[in-house]
Amino acid sequence: MRILIVTDAWHPQVNGVVRTLERVADEVRAMGHDVLFLTPDMFRTIPMPTYPEIRLAMTPPGAVAVRIKKFAPDHLHIATEGPLGQAARRACLNRRWSFTTSYHTRFPEYLRARLPVPESWSYAFLRRFHNAGRGTLVATRSLARELEGRGFNKVRLWTRGVDSEMFRPREKRVLDLPGPIFLSVGRVAVEKNLEAFLSLDLPGTKVVVGEGPALDMLKTRYPAAVFLGKKTGEELAEIFSSADVFVFPSLTDTFGIVILEALASGVPVAAYPVTGPIDVLHGTKAGALDHDLRVAALAALELKREDARALALEHSWQECARIFIREMEMAKEGPQAETAPQTA
């Protein structure tokens, strides 16, 4: 099967969407399928307002449709709702091309954190965007239930995986800091709720890995914390395994691949009992969930590293790719949504 994935999230961004799409594509190709990406670097871009690290594609009318037609995919998957995703959706509806979507990011909550835009307006747009396709893939059951309650009518489960060979327990610790070490990894932005972590009264050292628009402000406000900036690959994996607890303070993530990376590294996780953490950690001995994040962080100190590792091994990118292909095949064979053509 020839699959085209359209995404507004791409390099140089470092986030769960980009990692998921890249790893799934690698596994899907290994299964004998052909995968191509349509990404912002193929067009002229402008910086996203309030978040210049993210570049938004400026897509001339019809340019996206031309590229889709040239690739001639058996199925098209729209991963994001940005300018490229909207242009691809429009092209598919006008030409009756098969497409699915995925829901990775809580844009209504992220937008409201920056601008006075009611979440109901944003969700109305997203509902219309996703319901026009043949299926919307989401990472967790709790998110699926939430979106169905908001009127999303074709929600399908698509789990996440982890590279358990790169992210693994290691004997050598690379962080020479007073312990215990509480680590958080991710985009340093307001929606990640990092202040809830950095403001905690905890022993040892708080460490943050990542970059983003809130980095300078947080460095100034929390001088006792250690900010390591952007890290990837083996260097990131070594940092993960050097921590005693991974703290995931986000209230708005739809999954949190870094949770699996911490677990695979043998590091118990502390988080709020919300979508993502609750789907992965509830009922296990690998993490602590509490509405008081300090309580969760201290409880996670008492958990066993081998239990964290064992839970991570239940998740693989191979299984994630198999689900993706299954959903593409089912959508390709199903009835196309009846939606009026839109002008390109």
Protein backbone atom coordinates (compact mmCIF):
# COMPACT_ATOMS: atom_id res chain seq x y z
CA MET A 1 0.00 0.00 0.00
CA ARG A 2 1.18 3.51 -0.83
CA ILE A 3 0.52 5.89 2.06
CA LEU A 4 0.96 9.65 2.15
CA ILE A 5 1.18 11.30 5.59
CA VAL A 6 0.50 15.03 5.72
CA THR A 7 1.84 16.80 8.80
CA ASP A 8 2.40 20.39 9.91
CA ALA A 9 4.61 19.10 12.74
CA TRP A 10 8.08 18.31 11.43
CA HIS A 11 11.77 19.01 11.88
CA PRO A 12 13.35 20.93 13.46
CA GLN A 13 10.52 20.45 15.98
CA VAL A 14 11.28 17.86 18.64
CA ASN A 15 8.01 16.49 20.00
CA GLY A 16 5.89 13.37 20.31
CA VAL A 17 4.08 13.93 17.02
CA VAL A 18 7.28 14.02 14.98
CA ARG A 19 8.79 11.04 16.80
CA THR A 20 5.60 9.01 16.41
CA LEU A 21 5.28 9.67 12.68
CA GLU A 22 8.94 8.92 11.97
CA ARG A 23 9.02 5.69 13.94
CA VAL A 24 5.73 4.46 12.54
CA ALA A 25 6.89 5.22 9.00
CA ASP A 26 10.10 3.22 9.58
CA GLU A 27 8.13 0.23 10.82
CA VAL A 28 5.52 0.49 8.07
CA ARG A 29 8.25 0.52 5.42
CA ALA A 30 9.82 -2.54 7.05
CA MET A 31 6.45 -4.24 6.57
CA GLY A 32 6.74 -3.65 2.82
CA HIS A 33 4.60 -0.55 2.37
CA ASP A 34 5.55 2.73 0.69
CA VAL A 35 5.36 5.89 2.82
CA LEU A 36 5.92 9.53 1.87
CA PHE A 37 5.55 12.69 3.94
CA LEU A 38 4.15 16.06 2.93
CA THR A 39 5.76 18.54 5.35
CA PRO A 40 6.24 22.32 5.82
CA ASP A 41 9.83 22.29 4.56
CA MET A 42 8.44 21.71 1.05
CA PHE A 43 6.84 25.17 1.07
CA ARG A 44 7.58 28.73 2.12
CA THR A 45 6.95 29.07 5.84
CA ILE A 46 6.26 31.75 8.44
CA PRO A 47 6.78 31.56 12.22
CA MET A 48 3.75 30.63 14.30
CA PRO A 49 2.50 33.61 16.35
CA THR A 50 3.60 33.34 20.02
CA TYR A 51 5.66 30.23 19.12
CA PRO A 52 8.26 31.16 16.45
CA GLU A 53 10.06 27.82 16.75
CA ILE A 54 7.12 26.29 14.86
CA ARG A 55 7.01 27.13 11.16
CA LEU A 56 3.67 27.24 9.34
CA ALA A 57 3.54 26.35 5.65
CA MET A 58 2.19 28.91 3.20
CA THR A 59 0.39 26.70 0.70
CA PRO A 60 -0.65 28.20 -2.67
CA PRO A 61 -4.11 27.12 -3.88
CA GLY A 62 -3.91 23.70 -5.44
CA ALA A 63 -0.22 23.10 -4.62
CA VAL A 64 -0.99 20.44 -2.04
CA ALA A 65 -3.47 18.72 -4.36
CA VAL A 66 -0.83 18.60 -7.10
CA ARG A 67 1.68 16.93 -4.78
CA ILE A 68 -0.90 14.42 -3.56
CA LYS A 69 -1.89 13.53 -7.11
CA LYS A 70 1.77 13.11 -8.13
CA PHE A 71 2.37 10.59 -5.35
CA ALA A 72 -0.88 8.76 -6.17
CA PRO A 73 -1.36 7.22 -2.70
CA ASP A 74 -3.70 4.34 -2.00
CA HIS A 75 -4.55 6.14 1.21
CA LEU A 76 -3.80 9.54 2.72
CA HIS A 77 -3.44 10.25 6.43
CA ILE A 78 -3.68 13.82 7.78
CA ALA A 79 -1.78 13.97 11.05
CA THR A 80 -2.34 17.62 12.00
CA GLU A 81 -4.93 20.35 11.62
CA GLY A 82 -2.58 23.17 10.54
CA PRO A 83 -2.32 24.84 7.12
CA LEU A 84 -1.04 21.70 5.37
CA GLY A 85 -3.63 19.50 7.03
CA GLN A 86 -6.42 21.86 6.07
CA ALA A 87 -5.21 22.09 2.47
CA ALA A 88 -4.95 18.29 2.20
CA ARG A 89 -8.42 17.82 3.68
CA ARG A 90 -9.87 20.31 1.21
CA ALA A 91 -8.19 18.57 -1.71
CA CYS A 92 -9.47 15.16 -0.60
CA LEU A 93 -13.04 16.34 -0.17
CA ASN A 94 -13.08 18.06 -3.55
CA ARG A 95 -11.74 14.99 -5.34
CA ARG A 96 -13.37 12.26 -3.24
CA TRP A 97 -9.99 10.91 -2.15
CA SER A 98 -9.79 8.56 0.83
CA PHE A 99 -8.29 10.02 4.00
CA THR A 100 -8.04 9.49 7.74
CA THR A 101 -6.88 11.87 10.46
CA SER A 102 -5.23 11.66 13.86
CA TYR A 103 -5.67 13.80 16.95
CA HIS A 104 -2.35 14.45 18.66
CA THR A 105 -2.61 17.86 20.29
CA ARG A 106 -5.15 19.67 22.45
CA PHE A 107 -5.12 22.87 20.43
CA PRO A 108 -8.24 24.30 22.12
CA GLU A 109 -6.53 24.22 25.51
CA TYR A 110 -3.20 25.43 24.08
CA LEU A 111 -4.87 28.32 22.27
CA ARG A 112 -6.87 29.33 25.33
CA ALA A 113 -3.64 29.44 27.37
CA ARG A 114 -2.37 32.16 25.03
CA LEU A 115 -5.48 33.95 23.73
CA PRO A 116 -9.06 34.50 25.01
CA VAL A 117 -10.59 32.03 22.54
CA PRO A 118 -13.38 29.81 23.97
CA GLU A 119 -12.56 26.11 23.80
CA SER A 120 -16.02 25.43 22.39
CA TRP A 121 -15.15 27.40 19.23
CA SER A 122 -11.93 25.48 18.70
CA TYR A 123 -13.57 22.11 19.33
CA ALA A 124 -16.32 22.95 16.84
CA PHE A 125 -13.65 23.54 14.19
CA LEU A 126 -11.78 20.35 15.09
CA ARG A 127 -14.97 18.27 15.12
CA ARG A 128 -15.83 19.43 11.60
CA PHE A 129 -12.23 18.86 10.47
CA HIS A 130 -11.98 15.27 11.73
CA ASN A 131 -15.52 14.04 11.13
CA ALA A 132 -15.11 14.61 7.38
CA GLY A 133 -12.65 11.71 7.09
CA ARG A 134 -13.04 7.97 7.49
CA GLY A 135 -11.59 7.74 10.97
CA THR A 136 -9.78 9.73 13.66
CA LEU A 137 -6.90 7.90 15.37
CA VAL A 138 -6.23 8.71 19.03
CA ALA A 139 -3.66 7.32 21.46
CA THR A 140 -5.76 6.45 24.52
CA ARG A 141 -9.18 5.21 25.56
CA SER A 142 -9.78 8.16 27.86
CA LEU A 143 -9.15 10.60 25.02
CA ALA A 144 -11.41 8.57 22.73
CA ARG A 145 -14.24 8.80 25.26
CA GLU A 146 -13.70 12.52 25.70
CA LEU A 147 -13.76 13.26 21.97
CA GLU A 148 -16.81 11.07 21.43
CA GLY A 149 -18.52 13.10 24.13
CA ARG A 150 -17.69 16.21 22.11
CA GLY A 151 -19.28 14.82 18.96
CA PHE A 152 -16.32 13.22 17.18
CA ASN A 153 -17.98 10.28 15.45
CA LYS A 154 -15.25 8.05 13.96
CA VAL A 155 -12.69 7.72 16.77
CA ARG A 156 -10.27 4.78 16.57
CA LEU A 157 -7.54 3.68 19.00
CA TRP A 158 -3.89 3.89 17.92
CA THR A 159 -1.43 3.23 20.73
CA ARG A 160 2.18 4.42 21.04
CA GLY A 161 5.51 2.65 21.36
CA VAL A 162 9.02 3.08 22.70
CA ASP A 163 12.52 2.16 21.58
CA SER A 164 13.36 -0.14 24.47
CA GLU A 165 16.89 -0.76 23.18
CA MET A 166 17.93 2.89 23.23
CA PHE A 167 15.94 3.74 26.35
CA ARG A 168 17.11 1.18 28.88
CA PRO A 169 18.53 1.03 32.41
CA ARG A 170 22.25 1.81 32.51
CA GLU A 171 24.79 1.31 35.25
CA LYS A 172 26.58 4.61 34.65
CA ARG A 173 24.79 7.78 35.67
CA VAL A 174 25.74 10.90 33.72
CA LEU A 175 24.05 13.44 36.01
CA ASP A 176 26.47 14.30 38.81
CA LEU A 177 23.95 16.18 40.93
CA PRO A 178 22.60 15.91 44.48
CA GLY A 179 20.00 13.18 44.63
CA PRO A 180 17.34 12.17 44.34
CA ILE A 181 17.04 13.49 40.79
CA PHE A 182 13.57 14.43 39.57
CA LEU A 183 13.53 14.78 35.79
CA SER A 184 11.10 16.31 33.30
CA VAL A 185 11.59 16.15 29.53
CA GLY A 186 9.59 17.97 26.87
CA ARG A 187 8.74 21.25 25.23
CA VAL A 188 9.31 24.17 27.59
CA ALA A 189 6.04 26.00 27.04
CA VAL A 190 3.14 27.22 29.13
CA GLU A 191 0.86 24.31 28.19
CA LYS A 192 3.32 21.79 29.66
CA ASN A 193 2.61 23.10 33.18
CA LEU A 194 6.28 22.91 34.18
CA GLU A 195 5.85 25.41 37.00
CA ALA A 196 3.73 22.84 38.81
CA PHE A 197 6.87 20.67 38.89
CA LEU A 198 9.49 23.35 39.45
CA SER A 199 7.61 24.90 42.37
CA LEU A 200 7.42 21.62 44.31
CA ASP A 201 9.21 21.25 47.65
CA LEU A 202 11.28 18.17 46.87
CA PRO A 203 14.64 16.85 48.08
CA GLY A 204 17.59 16.57 45.71
CA THR A 205 17.61 18.22 42.28
CA LYS A 206 15.02 19.10 39.66
CA VAL A 207 16.25 18.70 36.06
CA VAL A 208 14.52 19.91 32.90
CA VAL A 209 15.44 18.77 29.39
CA GLY A 210 14.00 20.63 26.41
CA GLU A 211 13.64 24.05 24.86
CA GLY A 212 10.76 26.35 24.08
CA PRO A 213 9.35 29.86 24.51
CA ALA A 214 9.11 29.66 28.31
CA LEU A 215 12.72 28.59 28.89
CA ASP A 216 14.26 31.95 29.78
CA MET A 217 11.41 32.85 32.11
CA LEU A 218 11.61 29.56 33.97
CA LYS A 219 15.39 29.76 34.28
CA THR A 220 15.03 33.15 35.93
CA ARG A 221 12.15 32.13 38.18
CA TYR A 222 13.66 28.80 39.30
CA PRO A 223 17.46 29.25 39.53
CA ALA A 224 17.89 26.13 41.69
CA ALA A 225 16.66 23.87 38.90
CA VAL A 226 19.05 22.51 36.26
CA PHE A 227 18.06 23.24 32.65
CA LEU A 228 19.96 21.10 30.14
CA GLY A 229 18.37 22.34 26.91
CA LYS A 230 17.58 20.13 23.94
CA LYS A 231 18.94 16.58 24.08
CA THR A 232 18.37 13.68 21.69
CA GLY A 233 19.47 10.12 20.98
CA GLU A 234 21.94 8.39 23.25
CA GLU A 235 22.63 11.55 25.23
CA LEU A 236 18.94 11.85 26.10
CA ALA A 237 18.69 8.15 26.91
CA GLU A 238 21.64 8.42 29.32
CA ILE A 239 19.97 11.34 31.09
CA PHE A 240 16.73 9.43 31.44
CA SER A 241 18.45 6.47 33.09
CA SER A 242 20.29 8.78 35.49
CA ALA A 243 17.06 10.04 37.06
CA ASP A 244 15.32 8.61 40.12
CA VAL A 245 11.82 9.82 39.20
CA PHE A 246 10.35 11.17 36.00
CA VAL A 247 7.81 13.92 36.68
CA PHE A 248 5.17 14.56 34.02
CA PRO A 249 3.25 17.71 35.06
CA SER A 250 1.21 18.23 31.89
CA LEU A 251 -2.56 18.34 32.17
CA THR A 252 -3.19 18.60 28.43
CA ASP A 253 -1.04 16.02 26.61
CA THR A 254 -2.90 13.35 24.69
CA PHE A 255 -0.35 10.66 25.61
CA GLY A 256 3.23 11.61 26.48
CA ILE A 257 5.77 9.37 24.74
CA VAL A 258 8.36 10.57 27.25
CA ILE A 259 6.44 8.57 29.87
CA LEU A 260 7.26 5.36 27.99
CA GLU A 261 10.86 6.47 27.47
CA ALA A 262 11.27 7.04 31.20
CA LEU A 263 9.69 3.69 32.05
CA ALA A 264 11.87 1.88 29.51
CA SER A 265 14.88 3.49 31.21
CA GLY A 266 13.76 1.96 34.50
CA VAL A 267 12.53 5.26 35.94
CA PRO A 268 9.18 5.36 37.80
CA VAL A 269 6.83 8.17 36.79
CA ALA A 270 4.92 10.75 38.83
CA ALA A 271 1.97 12.48 37.19
CA TYR A 272 -1.52 13.82 37.58
CA PRO A 273 -4.37 11.32 36.99
CA VAL A 274 -5.29 12.71 33.58
CA THR A 275 -5.45 11.47 29.98
CA GLY A 276 -2.14 9.90 29.02
CA PRO A 277 -0.65 9.09 32.43
CA ILE A 278 -3.83 7.48 33.71
CA ASP A 279 -4.07 5.31 30.57
CA VAL A 280 -0.49 4.07 30.92
CA LEU A 281 0.06 3.98 34.68
CA HIS A 282 -3.26 3.37 36.42
CA GLY A 283 -3.32 0.01 38.21
CA THR A 284 0.41 -0.59 37.74
CA LYS A 285 3.43 -0.50 40.06
CA ALA A 286 5.41 1.63 37.62
CA GLY A 287 4.13 5.07 38.52
CA ALA A 288 2.32 7.21 41.05
CA LEU A 289 -0.73 9.32 40.17
CA ASP A 290 -2.10 12.01 42.45
CA HIS A 291 -3.81 15.39 42.19
CA ASP A 292 -1.00 16.55 44.51
CA LEU A 293 2.08 16.24 42.28
CA ARG A 294 4.45 16.36 45.27
CA VAL A 295 2.70 13.36 46.80
CA ALA A 296 3.03 11.51 43.50
CA ALA A 297 6.73 12.42 43.13
CA LEU A 298 7.65 11.23 46.63
CA ALA A 299 5.59 8.05 46.21
CA ALA A 300 7.35 7.28 42.92
CA LEU A 301 10.68 7.30 44.79
CA GLU A 302 9.56 4.13 46.53
CA LEU A 303 8.73 2.22 43.34
CA LYS A 304 10.95 -0.42 41.74
CA ARG A 305 12.86 0.35 38.58
CA GLU A 306 12.31 -3.17 37.23
CA ASP A 307 8.53 -2.67 37.40
CA ALA A 308 8.87 0.50 35.31
CA ARG A 309 10.93 -1.33 32.71
CA ALA A 310 8.49 -4.24 32.56
CA LEU A 311 5.55 -1.96 31.81
CA ALA A 312 7.41 -0.20 29.00
CA LEU A 313 8.16 -3.52 27.32
CA GLU A 314 4.43 -3.99 26.76
CA HIS A 315 4.57 -1.14 24.21
CA SER A 316 6.36 -1.39 20.87
CA TRP A 317 6.59 0.67 17.70
CA GLN A 318 6.00 -2.52 15.72
CA GLU A 319 2.55 -2.94 17.27
CA CYS A 320 1.87 0.76 16.77
CA ALA A 321 2.67 0.37 13.06
CA ARG A 322 0.51 -2.74 12.72
CA ILE A 323 -2.47 -0.87 14.13
CA PHE A 324 -1.80 2.04 11.78
CA ILE A 325 -1.75 -0.21 8.70
CA ARG A 326 -4.87 -2.03 9.84
CA GLU A 327 -6.72 1.26 10.20
CA MET A 328 -5.51 2.49 6.82
CA GLU A 329 -6.68 -0.69 5.12
CA MET A 330 -10.07 -0.60 6.84
CA ALA A 331 -10.59 3.06 5.97
CA LYS A 332 -9.53 2.54 2.36
CA GLU A 333 -12.16 -0.14 1.94
CA GLY A 334 -14.96 1.66 3.80
CA PRO A 335 -17.51 4.16 2.49
CA GLN A 336 -16.26 7.69 1.89
CA ALA A 337 -17.80 10.34 4.11
CA GLU A 338 -20.45 12.33 2.26
CA THR A 339 -19.21 15.89 2.51
CA ALA A 340 -19.85 18.69 0.05
CA PRO A 341 -16.82 19.61 -2.07
CA GLN A 342 -14.94 22.70 -0.94
CA THR A 343 -13.16 25.26 -3.05
CA ALA A 344 -9.44 24.73 -3.29
